[in-house]
């Protein structure tokens, strides 16, 4: 067990953890590359599923898991004793709903314009961000709508339960925090085993994975809550001064290895379980590096700025993949032959368009909404308010 070493408190440390903000964009980019890649790779003409295709398909789940762990970490790190549950919930709702409503409205307009059917299943649950609770593929994977918003269903559960989860976690004795953290990782690894008890039919759209099992491991908010709690415990370990002396470079290597190895696993075992602990270690190592003013490569001004618009980027990128240059919403495009050069070009255009739209959404919707309706800014902390939202 590491020797306790007190870390600077939020009141005395740097006003931000810039590396965590910068890393948010990398995670959002991984999600975008996953969605673009899975739309383009079938058009390259290779019927076999290659290793790099598995990596691209795994990038999205790993990026999303990073956000879930990061949410728990940052909300714990910035939590102020004088804050009330109502004030906390207000800020979180104001953070996520304006971008969500604008992008959903844009999705409906695009669906109507392109002739994609607008139904109650692909709009109503999405509007209220409850789609992840409904284990129907046409509700969660409604490709014409803004599909990635299902993850906000999980975030809403995280936010609702956070005050009680934090209070419970703070009751853990500091010397036992690591035991709880390791036990939680073990629980995450058990989730795919439990999912194996569910029916193996029907299959998930576009794959041979059993849908019910994928939903339980990957979409069900209750099972994803484990990653959020993992972030809470990681923050408390650092605050208690019991963090292990793990260099950021080593943590990044471990996370990259878990990402690569996880892509080789089959069925639901490749989701969450292989990367949960490495991602928590990566977040903890980045935070402690910032606190000790050590460079990570993610804390520069450009990366921080990209990180600040990463939630908006996450919310717009799928619409660009679907209705932009790739045109993934049109099923006939999935079979049109494509060269590798064209695939790179389409991906680059999608990235540029998504960045421009993300900047516009952040500048004219997200930031003004936070200023107008959050009523009071979060206290000066080690992370900006934007770091606490899913990307």
Protein backbone atom coordinates (compact mmCIF):
# COMPACT_ATOMS: atom_id res chain seq x y z
CA UNK A 1 0.00 0.00 0.00
CA UNK A 2 1.50 3.39 -0.97
CA UNK A 3 2.63 5.78 1.74
CA UNK A 4 0.13 8.65 2.10
CA UNK A 5 1.33 11.81 0.43
CA UNK A 6 -1.07 14.73 0.71
CA UNK A 7 -1.97 16.37 -2.56
CA UNK A 8 -2.71 20.08 -2.91
CA UNK A 9 -6.35 20.82 -2.18
CA UNK A 10 -8.52 22.51 -4.80
CA UNK A 11 -8.24 25.76 -2.86
CA UNK A 12 -4.44 25.81 -3.00
CA UNK A 13 -3.60 23.94 -6.17
CA UNK A 14 -3.68 25.12 -9.76
CA UNK A 15 -7.05 26.50 -10.76
CA UNK A 16 -7.39 23.76 -13.40
CA UNK A 17 -6.35 20.27 -14.40
CA UNK A 18 -5.64 21.17 -18.02
CA UNK A 19 -4.49 17.70 -19.07
CA UNK A 20 -7.87 16.19 -18.24
CA UNK A 21 -9.58 18.89 -20.29
CA UNK A 22 -7.28 18.25 -23.24
CA UNK A 23 -7.71 14.50 -23.01
CA UNK A 24 -11.46 14.93 -23.33
CA UNK A 25 -11.01 15.91 -26.95
CA UNK A 26 -8.91 12.83 -27.64
CA UNK A 27 -11.70 10.68 -26.23
CA UNK A 28 -14.33 12.49 -28.31
CA UNK A 29 -12.14 12.09 -31.40
CA UNK A 30 -11.93 8.36 -30.76
CA UNK A 31 -15.73 8.18 -30.76
CA UNK A 32 -15.91 10.12 -34.03
CA UNK A 33 -13.27 7.92 -35.69
CA UNK A 34 -15.18 4.84 -34.58
CA UNK A 35 -18.42 6.04 -36.15
CA UNK A 36 -16.74 7.25 -39.32
CA UNK A 37 -14.58 4.15 -39.61
CA UNK A 38 -17.36 1.64 -39.14
CA UNK A 39 -19.25 3.43 -41.91
CA UNK A 40 -16.31 3.54 -44.32
CA UNK A 41 -14.37 0.32 -43.73
CA UNK A 42 -17.03 -1.98 -45.29
CA UNK A 43 -16.60 -0.01 -48.51
CA UNK A 44 -12.89 -0.82 -48.89
CA UNK A 45 -13.69 -4.24 -50.29
CA UNK A 46 -11.99 -6.52 -47.74
CA UNK A 47 -14.53 -9.09 -46.50
CA UNK A 48 -12.35 -10.06 -43.53
CA UNK A 49 -12.44 -8.20 -40.23
CA UNK A 50 -8.84 -7.06 -39.82
CA UNK A 51 -6.98 -6.08 -36.68
CA UNK A 52 -7.09 -2.36 -37.47
CA UNK A 53 -10.85 -2.59 -38.03
CA UNK A 54 -11.21 -4.05 -34.56
CA UNK A 55 -9.16 -1.17 -33.18
CA UNK A 56 -11.35 1.41 -34.87
CA UNK A 57 -14.52 -0.31 -33.67
CA UNK A 58 -13.10 -0.39 -30.14
CA UNK A 59 -12.14 3.30 -30.13
CA UNK A 60 -15.67 4.51 -29.50
CA UNK A 61 -16.42 2.31 -26.48
CA UNK A 62 -13.06 3.17 -24.91
CA UNK A 63 -13.55 6.89 -25.48
CA UNK A 64 -17.00 6.74 -23.92
CA UNK A 65 -15.75 4.76 -20.93
CA UNK A 66 -13.09 7.44 -20.42
CA UNK A 67 -15.85 10.07 -20.19
CA UNK A 68 -17.84 8.06 -17.67
CA UNK A 69 -14.86 7.58 -15.37
CA UNK A 70 -13.82 11.21 -15.86
CA UNK A 71 -17.30 12.45 -14.90
CA UNK A 72 -17.10 10.75 -11.53
CA UNK A 73 -13.56 11.99 -10.99
CA UNK A 74 -14.14 15.65 -11.85
CA UNK A 75 -17.47 15.99 -10.05
CA UNK A 76 -15.84 14.60 -6.93
CA UNK A 77 -12.80 16.81 -7.30
CA UNK A 78 -14.78 20.03 -7.61
CA UNK A 79 -17.51 19.18 -5.10
CA UNK A 80 -17.97 22.01 -2.61
CA UNK A 81 -19.33 21.34 0.91
CA UNK A 82 -21.71 24.29 0.67
CA UNK A 83 -23.25 23.13 -2.59
CA UNK A 84 -26.84 21.87 -2.48
CA UNK A 85 -28.32 18.98 -4.42
CA UNK A 86 -30.75 21.27 -6.24
CA UNK A 87 -28.01 23.67 -7.30
CA UNK A 88 -25.85 20.78 -8.49
CA UNK A 89 -28.67 19.19 -10.49
CA UNK A 90 -29.58 22.55 -12.03
CA UNK A 91 -26.04 23.11 -13.30
CA UNK A 92 -25.83 19.61 -14.76
CA UNK A 93 -29.16 19.87 -16.57
CA UNK A 94 -28.26 23.27 -17.96
CA UNK A 95 -24.97 21.81 -19.11
CA UNK A 96 -26.34 18.90 -21.13
CA UNK A 97 -29.83 19.81 -22.34
CA UNK A 98 -29.30 22.90 -24.55
CA UNK A 99 -26.81 21.10 -26.81
CA UNK A 100 -28.96 18.00 -26.77
CA UNK A 101 -32.15 19.81 -27.77
CA UNK A 102 -30.47 21.78 -30.54
CA UNK A 103 -28.82 18.70 -32.07
CA UNK A 104 -32.01 16.65 -31.76
CA UNK A 105 -33.96 19.38 -33.54
CA UNK A 106 -31.31 19.43 -36.27
CA UNK A 107 -31.54 15.65 -36.54
CA UNK A 108 -35.33 15.74 -37.00
CA UNK A 109 -35.02 18.40 -39.69
CA UNK A 110 -32.37 16.35 -41.49
CA UNK A 111 -34.48 13.21 -41.20
CA UNK A 112 -37.48 14.95 -42.74
CA UNK A 113 -35.35 16.49 -45.48
CA UNK A 114 -33.70 13.20 -46.47
CA UNK A 115 -36.79 11.03 -46.15
CA UNK A 116 -35.73 9.12 -43.04
CA UNK A 117 -38.79 8.02 -41.08
CA UNK A 118 -39.47 10.07 -37.95
CA UNK A 119 -41.17 7.82 -35.41
CA UNK A 120 -42.05 7.90 -31.75
CA UNK A 121 -39.38 5.26 -31.10
CA UNK A 122 -36.52 7.28 -32.58
CA UNK A 123 -37.53 10.65 -31.14
CA UNK A 124 -39.61 10.59 -27.93
CA UNK A 125 -37.28 8.55 -25.68
CA UNK A 126 -34.34 10.48 -27.11
CA UNK A 127 -36.03 13.80 -26.33
CA UNK A 128 -36.31 12.91 -22.65
CA UNK A 129 -32.96 11.08 -22.57
CA UNK A 130 -34.41 7.80 -21.37
CA UNK A 131 -33.54 5.72 -24.44
CA UNK A 132 -30.78 3.69 -22.78
CA UNK A 133 -33.31 2.31 -20.30
CA UNK A 134 -35.36 0.79 -23.13
CA UNK A 135 -33.65 -2.34 -24.53
CA UNK A 136 -34.90 -1.88 -28.08
CA UNK A 137 -32.50 -1.40 -30.93
CA UNK A 138 -34.78 0.98 -32.80
CA UNK A 139 -34.87 3.22 -29.72
CA UNK A 140 -31.16 3.30 -28.88
CA UNK A 141 -29.58 2.74 -32.30
CA UNK A 142 -31.82 5.06 -34.32
CA UNK A 143 -29.20 5.89 -36.91
CA UNK A 144 -31.18 8.69 -38.51
CA UNK A 145 -31.40 10.55 -35.22
CA UNK A 146 -28.52 11.61 -32.98
CA UNK A 147 -27.68 8.13 -31.69
CA UNK A 148 -24.75 9.04 -29.34
CA UNK A 149 -27.15 10.94 -27.09
CA UNK A 150 -28.13 7.61 -25.52
CA UNK A 151 -25.06 8.02 -23.32
CA UNK A 152 -26.67 11.09 -21.75
CA UNK A 153 -29.28 8.73 -20.31
CA UNK A 154 -26.44 7.26 -18.28
CA UNK A 155 -25.12 10.68 -17.32
CA UNK A 156 -28.52 11.70 -15.99
CA UNK A 157 -28.47 8.70 -13.66
CA UNK A 158 -24.93 9.63 -12.61
CA UNK A 159 -25.96 13.19 -11.80
CA UNK A 160 -29.11 12.17 -9.96
CA UNK A 161 -27.28 9.71 -7.73
CA UNK A 162 -24.02 11.64 -7.29
CA UNK A 163 -24.82 13.44 -4.00
CA UNK A 164 -25.59 10.13 -2.27
CA UNK A 165 -22.76 8.23 -3.95
CA UNK A 166 -20.24 10.86 -2.90
CA UNK A 167 -21.54 10.89 0.67
CA UNK A 168 -21.25 7.11 0.85
CA UNK A 169 -17.77 7.08 -0.70
CA UNK A 170 -16.54 9.70 1.75
CA UNK A 171 -17.43 7.37 4.61
CA UNK A 172 -14.82 4.86 3.41
CA UNK A 173 -11.70 4.95 5.52
CA UNK A 174 -8.77 6.35 3.50
CA UNK A 175 -6.67 3.22 4.02
CA UNK A 176 -9.45 1.13 2.50
CA UNK A 177 -10.10 3.21 -0.61
CA UNK A 178 -7.80 1.12 -2.78
CA UNK A 179 -9.54 -2.07 -1.67
CA UNK A 180 -12.90 -0.61 -2.68
CA UNK A 181 -11.48 0.58 -5.98
CA UNK A 182 -10.07 -2.84 -6.84
CA UNK A 183 -13.30 -4.49 -5.74
CA UNK A 184 -15.27 -2.18 -8.01
CA UNK A 185 -13.06 -3.11 -10.96
CA UNK A 186 -13.73 -6.77 -10.16
CA UNK A 187 -17.47 -6.02 -10.23
CA UNK A 188 -17.08 -4.40 -13.66
CA UNK A 189 -15.35 -7.55 -14.89
CA UNK A 190 -18.26 -9.68 -13.64
CA UNK A 191 -20.83 -7.72 -15.68
CA UNK A 192 -20.09 -9.56 -18.98
CA UNK A 193 -20.46 -12.89 -17.15
CA UNK A 194 -23.88 -11.84 -15.90
CA UNK A 195 -24.79 -10.67 -19.39
CA UNK A 196 -24.07 -14.17 -20.64
CA UNK A 197 -27.17 -15.33 -18.77
CA UNK A 198 -29.36 -13.23 -21.06
CA UNK A 199 -30.74 -14.51 -24.40
CA UNK A 200 -28.29 -14.65 -27.31
CA UNK A 201 -30.94 -13.56 -29.83
CA UNK A 202 -31.62 -11.26 -31.56
CA UNK A 203 -28.32 -10.00 -32.88
CA UNK A 204 -27.20 -6.41 -32.64
CA UNK A 205 -27.73 -4.41 -35.83
CA UNK A 206 -24.74 -4.70 -38.13
CA UNK A 207 -22.99 -7.39 -36.10
CA UNK A 208 -23.26 -10.94 -34.80
CA UNK A 209 -23.20 -9.83 -31.14
CA UNK A 210 -26.26 -10.76 -29.03
CA UNK A 211 -28.26 -7.58 -28.53
CA UNK A 212 -29.59 -8.18 -25.03
CA UNK A 213 -26.09 -8.93 -23.76
CA UNK A 214 -24.59 -5.89 -25.48
CA UNK A 215 -27.34 -3.68 -24.07
CA UNK A 216 -26.76 -4.94 -20.51
CA UNK A 217 -22.99 -4.42 -20.65
CA UNK A 218 -22.76 -1.30 -22.80
CA UNK A 219 -25.99 0.69 -22.71
CA UNK A 220 -27.76 -0.11 -19.43
CA UNK A 221 -27.28 2.95 -17.17
CA UNK A 222 -27.05 0.87 -13.98
CA UNK A 223 -24.06 -1.16 -15.16
CA UNK A 224 -22.36 1.95 -16.57
CA UNK A 225 -22.78 3.59 -13.16
CA UNK A 226 -19.89 1.40 -11.98
CA UNK A 227 -17.44 3.40 -14.12
CA UNK A 228 -18.75 6.65 -12.70
CA UNK A 229 -18.19 5.38 -9.16
CA UNK A 230 -14.72 4.26 -10.21
CA UNK A 231 -13.97 7.89 -11.05
CA UNK A 232 -15.29 8.99 -7.65
CA UNK A 233 -13.00 6.57 -5.83
CA UNK A 234 -10.01 7.56 -7.98
CA UNK A 235 -10.45 11.20 -6.99
CA UNK A 236 -10.81 10.31 -3.32
CA UNK A 237 -7.65 8.19 -3.40
CA UNK A 238 -5.69 11.16 -4.74
CA UNK A 239 -7.25 13.56 -2.26
CA UNK A 240 -6.35 11.19 0.57
CA UNK A 241 -2.68 11.26 -0.49
CA UNK A 242 -2.61 7.51 -1.21
CA UNK A 243 -2.14 7.60 -4.95
CA UNK A 244 0.58 5.34 -6.34
CA UNK A 245 3.66 7.01 -7.90
CA UNK A 246 2.62 6.17 -11.46
CA UNK A 247 4.23 8.32 -14.20
CA UNK A 248 1.83 9.61 -16.81
CA UNK A 249 3.78 7.94 -19.62
CA UNK A 250 3.50 4.54 -17.96
CA UNK A 251 -0.24 5.04 -17.36
CA UNK A 252 -0.71 6.01 -21.01
CA UNK A 253 1.19 2.90 -22.11
CA UNK A 254 -1.01 0.69 -19.93
CA UNK A 255 -4.18 2.32 -21.28
CA UNK A 256 -2.99 1.92 -24.87
CA UNK A 257 -2.17 -1.73 -24.22
CA UNK A 258 -5.59 -2.37 -22.70
CA UNK A 259 -7.24 -0.63 -25.65
CA UNK A 260 -5.31 -2.76 -28.12
CA UNK A 261 -5.78 -6.00 -26.22
CA UNK A 262 -9.45 -5.35 -25.61
CA UNK A 263 -10.03 -5.02 -29.35
CA UNK A 264 -8.98 -8.66 -29.75
CA UNK A 265 -11.60 -9.96 -27.32
CA UNK A 266 -14.94 -11.25 -28.53
CA UNK A 267 -18.55 -10.62 -27.60
CA UNK A 268 -19.28 -8.38 -24.62
CA UNK A 269 -15.91 -9.02 -22.97
CA UNK A 270 -14.33 -6.33 -25.13
CA UNK A 271 -16.55 -3.61 -23.65
CA UNK A 272 -15.55 -1.70 -20.50
CA UNK A 273 -13.89 -4.50 -18.49
CA UNK A 274 -10.45 -4.51 -20.19
CA UNK A 275 -9.96 -0.74 -19.94
CA UNK A 276 -11.80 0.39 -16.79
CA UNK A 277 -8.82 0.21 -14.42
CA UNK A 278 -6.23 1.46 -16.97
CA UNK A 279 -8.43 4.47 -17.75
CA UNK A 280 -8.83 5.25 -14.04
CA UNK A 281 -5.05 5.02 -13.63
CA UNK A 282 -4.57 7.27 -16.66
CA UNK A 283 -6.93 9.91 -15.29
CA UNK A 284 -5.31 9.76 -11.88
CA UNK A 285 -1.82 9.99 -13.33
CA UNK A 286 -2.78 12.98 -15.50
CA UNK A 287 -4.36 14.76 -12.54
CA UNK A 288 -1.36 14.24 -10.28
CA UNK A 289 0.98 15.32 -13.08
CA UNK A 290 -0.92 18.60 -13.38
CA UNK A 291 -0.95 19.10 -9.62
CA UNK A 292 2.83 18.65 -9.58
CA UNK A 293 3.19 20.83 -12.70
CA UNK A 294 4.58 18.10 -14.90
CA UNK A 295 3.90 18.06 -18.62
CA UNK A 296 1.68 15.44 -20.17
CA UNK A 297 1.33 16.73 -23.73
CA UNK A 298 -2.39 17.39 -23.23
CA UNK A 299 -2.34 20.55 -21.14
CA UNK A 300 -1.38 23.05 -23.83
CA UNK A 301 -3.64 25.89 -24.88
CA UNK A 302 -4.77 24.26 -28.14
CA UNK A 303 -5.65 20.95 -26.51
CA UNK A 304 -7.48 22.66 -23.66
CA UNK A 305 -9.52 24.70 -26.11
CA UNK A 306 -10.42 21.57 -28.06
CA UNK A 307 -11.33 19.89 -24.80
CA UNK A 308 -13.66 22.73 -23.91
CA UNK A 309 -15.68 22.18 -27.09
CA UNK A 310 -15.50 18.37 -26.88
CA UNK A 311 -19.05 17.96 -25.55
CA UNK A 312 -20.39 19.98 -28.47
CA UNK A 313 -18.13 17.97 -30.80
CA UNK A 314 -19.55 14.73 -29.41
CA UNK A 315 -23.10 15.97 -29.97
CA UNK A 316 -22.63 17.07 -33.59
CA UNK A 317 -20.19 14.56 -35.04
CA UNK A 318 -22.69 11.75 -35.63
CA UNK A 319 -24.98 14.04 -37.59
CA UNK A 320 -22.02 14.96 -39.79
CA UNK A 321 -21.12 11.28 -40.23
CA UNK A 322 -24.74 10.49 -41.14
CA UNK A 323 -25.66 13.47 -43.31
CA UNK A 324 -22.31 14.95 -44.30
CA UNK A 325 -19.67 13.77 -46.79
CA UNK A 326 -19.83 10.12 -45.65
CA UNK A 327 -23.62 10.00 -45.90
CA UNK A 328 -23.89 7.01 -43.57
CA UNK A 329 -27.64 7.46 -43.12
CA UNK A 330 -28.15 6.21 -46.68
CA UNK A 331 -27.69 2.44 -46.55
CA UNK A 332 -26.78 2.24 -50.24
CA UNK A 333 -23.60 4.21 -49.46
CA UNK A 334 -22.35 1.38 -47.26
CA UNK A 335 -21.82 -0.83 -50.31
CA UNK A 336 -20.30 1.68 -52.73
CA UNK A 337 -16.62 0.82 -53.38
CA UNK A 338 -14.13 3.26 -51.88
CA UNK A 339 -10.35 3.67 -51.99
CA UNK A 340 -8.27 4.15 -48.86
CA UNK A 341 -7.38 7.66 -50.01
CA UNK A 342 -11.03 8.59 -50.40
CA UNK A 343 -11.79 7.15 -46.96
CA UNK A 344 -9.10 9.35 -45.38
CA UNK A 345 -10.42 12.38 -47.26
CA UNK A 346 -14.01 11.80 -46.16
CA UNK A 347 -12.87 11.30 -42.57
CA UNK A 348 -10.84 14.51 -42.68
CA UNK A 349 -13.77 16.49 -44.06
CA UNK A 350 -16.03 15.03 -41.40
CA UNK A 351 -13.58 16.07 -38.70
CA UNK A 352 -13.25 19.63 -40.00
CA UNK A 353 -17.01 20.12 -40.39
CA UNK A 354 -17.63 18.65 -36.94
CA UNK A 355 -15.07 20.99 -35.37
CA UNK A 356 -16.64 24.05 -36.98
CA UNK A 357 -20.14 23.05 -35.91
CA UNK A 358 -18.89 22.18 -32.43
CA UNK A 359 -17.34 25.62 -32.04
CA UNK A 360 -20.58 27.25 -33.15
CA UNK A 361 -22.67 25.09 -30.80
CA UNK A 362 -20.37 25.73 -27.86
CA UNK A 363 -20.07 29.47 -28.52
CA UNK A 364 -23.70 30.29 -29.25
CA UNK A 365 -25.62 27.65 -27.28
CA UNK A 366 -23.66 25.86 -24.58
CA UNK A 367 -21.65 28.73 -23.11
CA UNK A 368 -24.51 31.30 -23.14
CA UNK A 369 -26.88 28.76 -21.56
CA UNK A 370 -24.41 28.11 -18.76
CA UNK A 371 -23.97 31.83 -18.15
CA UNK A 372 -27.69 32.52 -18.25
CA UNK A 373 -29.26 29.63 -16.36
CA UNK A 374 -26.67 28.04 -14.12
CA UNK A 375 -27.19 31.14 -11.92
CA UNK A 376 -23.82 30.94 -10.29
CA UNK A 377 -20.48 29.68 -11.46
CA UNK A 378 -18.80 26.70 -9.83
CA UNK A 379 -16.23 27.74 -7.26
CA UNK A 380 -12.62 28.05 -8.42
CA UNK A 381 -11.49 24.47 -8.72
CA UNK A 382 -8.97 22.26 -10.39
CA UNK A 383 -11.12 21.81 -13.47
CA UNK A 384 -13.33 24.08 -15.54
CA UNK A 385 -17.09 23.53 -15.41
CA UNK A 386 -17.05 22.18 -18.96
CA UNK A 387 -14.92 19.25 -17.83
CA UNK A 388 -17.77 17.77 -15.83
CA UNK A 389 -20.03 17.01 -18.74
CA UNK A 390 -19.97 14.03 -21.00
CA UNK A 391 -18.48 14.65 -24.17
